[in-house]
Amino acid sequence: MRLLALCLAVSLLPACTWVKLSPEGESVTVVASVPSSCKRLGSTTSSTKADLASIDRSSKKVATELQTLARNSAAKMGGDTISAESEVSENGEQTFGIYRCGA
C-alpha cells in the first residue's frame, strides 16, 4: 500500500506548480504581437524546472510558469505587457520583452 501511495505521489509531481502570480503581476497582459504605441522597457528571461527526478513536466505547465514569472518581473520593472521573444528551451527557459502600453 505504501509503495502504491509513493508511486502515485511521484507520478503527480510533474503536474505541480510552485510559481504564484503576484498581485502586481495580475495586471500585466500577455500579447503575441506588441502594438506600436508601446514603449519597450527591457526583457527578462524566466526559468523553471522542465523535469523533476528525470520525469518530464507538462510543456503547458512549464510555459504557464514561465509566463507567470515574466509577468511578475514585468510588474517590478513598471511594465504592463509582455511578449515572448523566444520559444521555451529544453531546460525550461524563455525570454520575454517587457513593455509599457498603458497611460
Protein backbone atom coordinates (compact mmCIF):
# COMPACT_ATOMS: atom_id res chain seq x y z
CA MET A 1 0.00 0.00 0.00
CA ARG A 2 2.82 2.41 0.84
CA LEU A 3 4.51 1.61 -2.46
CA LEU A 4 1.32 2.45 -4.34
CA ALA A 5 0.98 5.77 -2.49
CA LEU A 6 4.62 6.61 -3.19
CA CYS A 7 4.25 5.79 -6.89
CA LEU A 8 1.12 7.93 -7.11
CA ALA A 9 2.83 10.86 -5.38
CA VAL A 10 5.87 10.68 -7.67
CA SER A 11 3.69 10.47 -10.78
CA LEU A 12 1.80 13.63 -9.77
CA LEU A 13 4.91 15.73 -9.07
CA PRO A 14 5.43 16.85 -12.68
CA ALA A 15 1.94 18.42 -12.64
CA CYS A 16 2.69 20.56 -9.57
CA THR A 17 3.32 24.27 -9.77
CA TRP A 18 5.10 26.38 -7.22
CA VAL A 19 5.02 29.67 -9.10
CA LYS A 20 2.44 32.17 -7.89
CA LEU A 21 1.28 35.26 -9.74
CA SER A 22 1.85 38.37 -7.63
CA PRO A 23 -0.95 40.90 -7.18
CA GLU A 24 1.09 43.34 -9.30
CA GLY A 25 1.70 40.67 -11.96
CA GLU A 26 -2.05 40.16 -12.34
CA SER A 27 -2.27 43.49 -14.15
CA VAL A 28 0.35 42.50 -16.77
CA THR A 29 -1.08 41.42 -20.12
CA VAL A 30 0.45 38.74 -22.34
CA VAL A 31 0.32 39.51 -26.08
CA ALA A 32 1.58 37.71 -29.17
CA SER A 33 2.20 40.95 -31.07
CA VAL A 34 3.14 44.20 -29.35
CA PRO A 35 1.26 47.33 -30.51
CA SER A 36 3.49 50.04 -31.98
CA SER A 37 2.29 52.51 -29.35
CA CYS A 38 4.02 50.55 -26.57
CA LYS A 39 7.37 51.56 -25.07
CA ARG A 40 9.94 48.78 -24.62
CA LEU A 41 11.36 48.73 -21.09
CA GLY A 42 13.65 45.73 -21.45
CA SER A 43 13.48 41.97 -21.30
CA THR A 44 13.50 39.15 -18.80
CA THR A 45 14.50 35.51 -19.04
CA SER A 46 12.36 33.22 -16.94
CA SER A 47 13.40 29.73 -15.95
CA THR A 48 11.70 26.84 -14.21
CA LYS A 49 12.21 23.11 -13.88
CA ALA A 50 11.40 21.26 -17.10
CA ASP A 51 11.65 17.91 -15.33
CA LEU A 52 11.53 16.53 -11.81
CA ALA A 53 13.56 13.47 -10.89
CA SER A 54 14.12 12.75 -14.61
CA ILE A 55 10.37 12.88 -15.29
CA ASP A 56 9.39 15.47 -17.91
CA ARG A 57 6.83 18.00 -16.74
CA SER A 58 3.88 19.05 -18.87
CA SER A 59 5.02 21.53 -21.51
CA LYS A 60 1.85 23.53 -20.91
CA LYS A 61 2.59 23.73 -17.16
CA VAL A 62 6.19 24.82 -17.82
CA ALA A 63 5.04 27.50 -20.30
CA THR A 64 2.45 28.80 -17.83
CA GLU A 65 5.03 29.07 -15.05
CA LEU A 66 7.46 30.91 -17.34
CA GLN A 67 4.74 33.36 -18.29
CA THR A 68 3.81 33.88 -14.65
CA LEU A 69 7.44 34.60 -13.72
CA ALA A 70 7.72 37.05 -16.63
CA ARG A 71 4.50 38.84 -15.60
CA ASN A 72 5.83 39.22 -12.04
CA SER A 73 9.15 40.53 -13.37
CA ALA A 74 7.44 42.99 -15.73
CA ALA A 75 5.38 44.42 -12.90
CA LYS A 76 8.56 45.06 -10.89
CA MET A 77 10.02 46.94 -13.89
CA GLY A 78 6.89 49.08 -14.29
CA GLY A 79 5.66 47.20 -17.35
CA ASP A 80 2.08 46.28 -18.13
CA THR A 81 2.59 43.99 -21.14
CA ILE A 82 4.88 41.07 -22.06
CA SER A 83 5.51 39.24 -25.29
CA ALA A 84 7.54 36.06 -25.81
CA GLU A 85 10.75 36.66 -27.73
CA SER A 86 11.88 33.04 -27.78
CA GLU A 87 10.46 29.55 -27.62
CA VAL A 88 10.62 27.53 -24.40
CA SER A 89 14.02 25.84 -24.30
CA GLU A 90 14.57 22.19 -23.38
CA ASN A 91 15.89 23.23 -19.99
CA GLY A 92 12.84 25.38 -19.16
CA GLU A 93 13.88 28.92 -20.10
CA GLN A 94 12.14 31.60 -22.16
CA THR A 95 12.83 35.27 -22.88
CA PHE A 96 10.08 37.89 -22.83
CA GLY A 97 10.05 41.53 -23.89
CA ILE A 98 8.63 43.92 -21.30
CA TYR A 99 6.58 46.92 -22.43
CA ARG A 100 4.51 49.78 -21.08
CA CYS A 101 1.44 50.17 -23.25
CA GLY A 102 -0.97 51.91 -20.89
CA ALA A 103 -1.10 55.52 -19.81
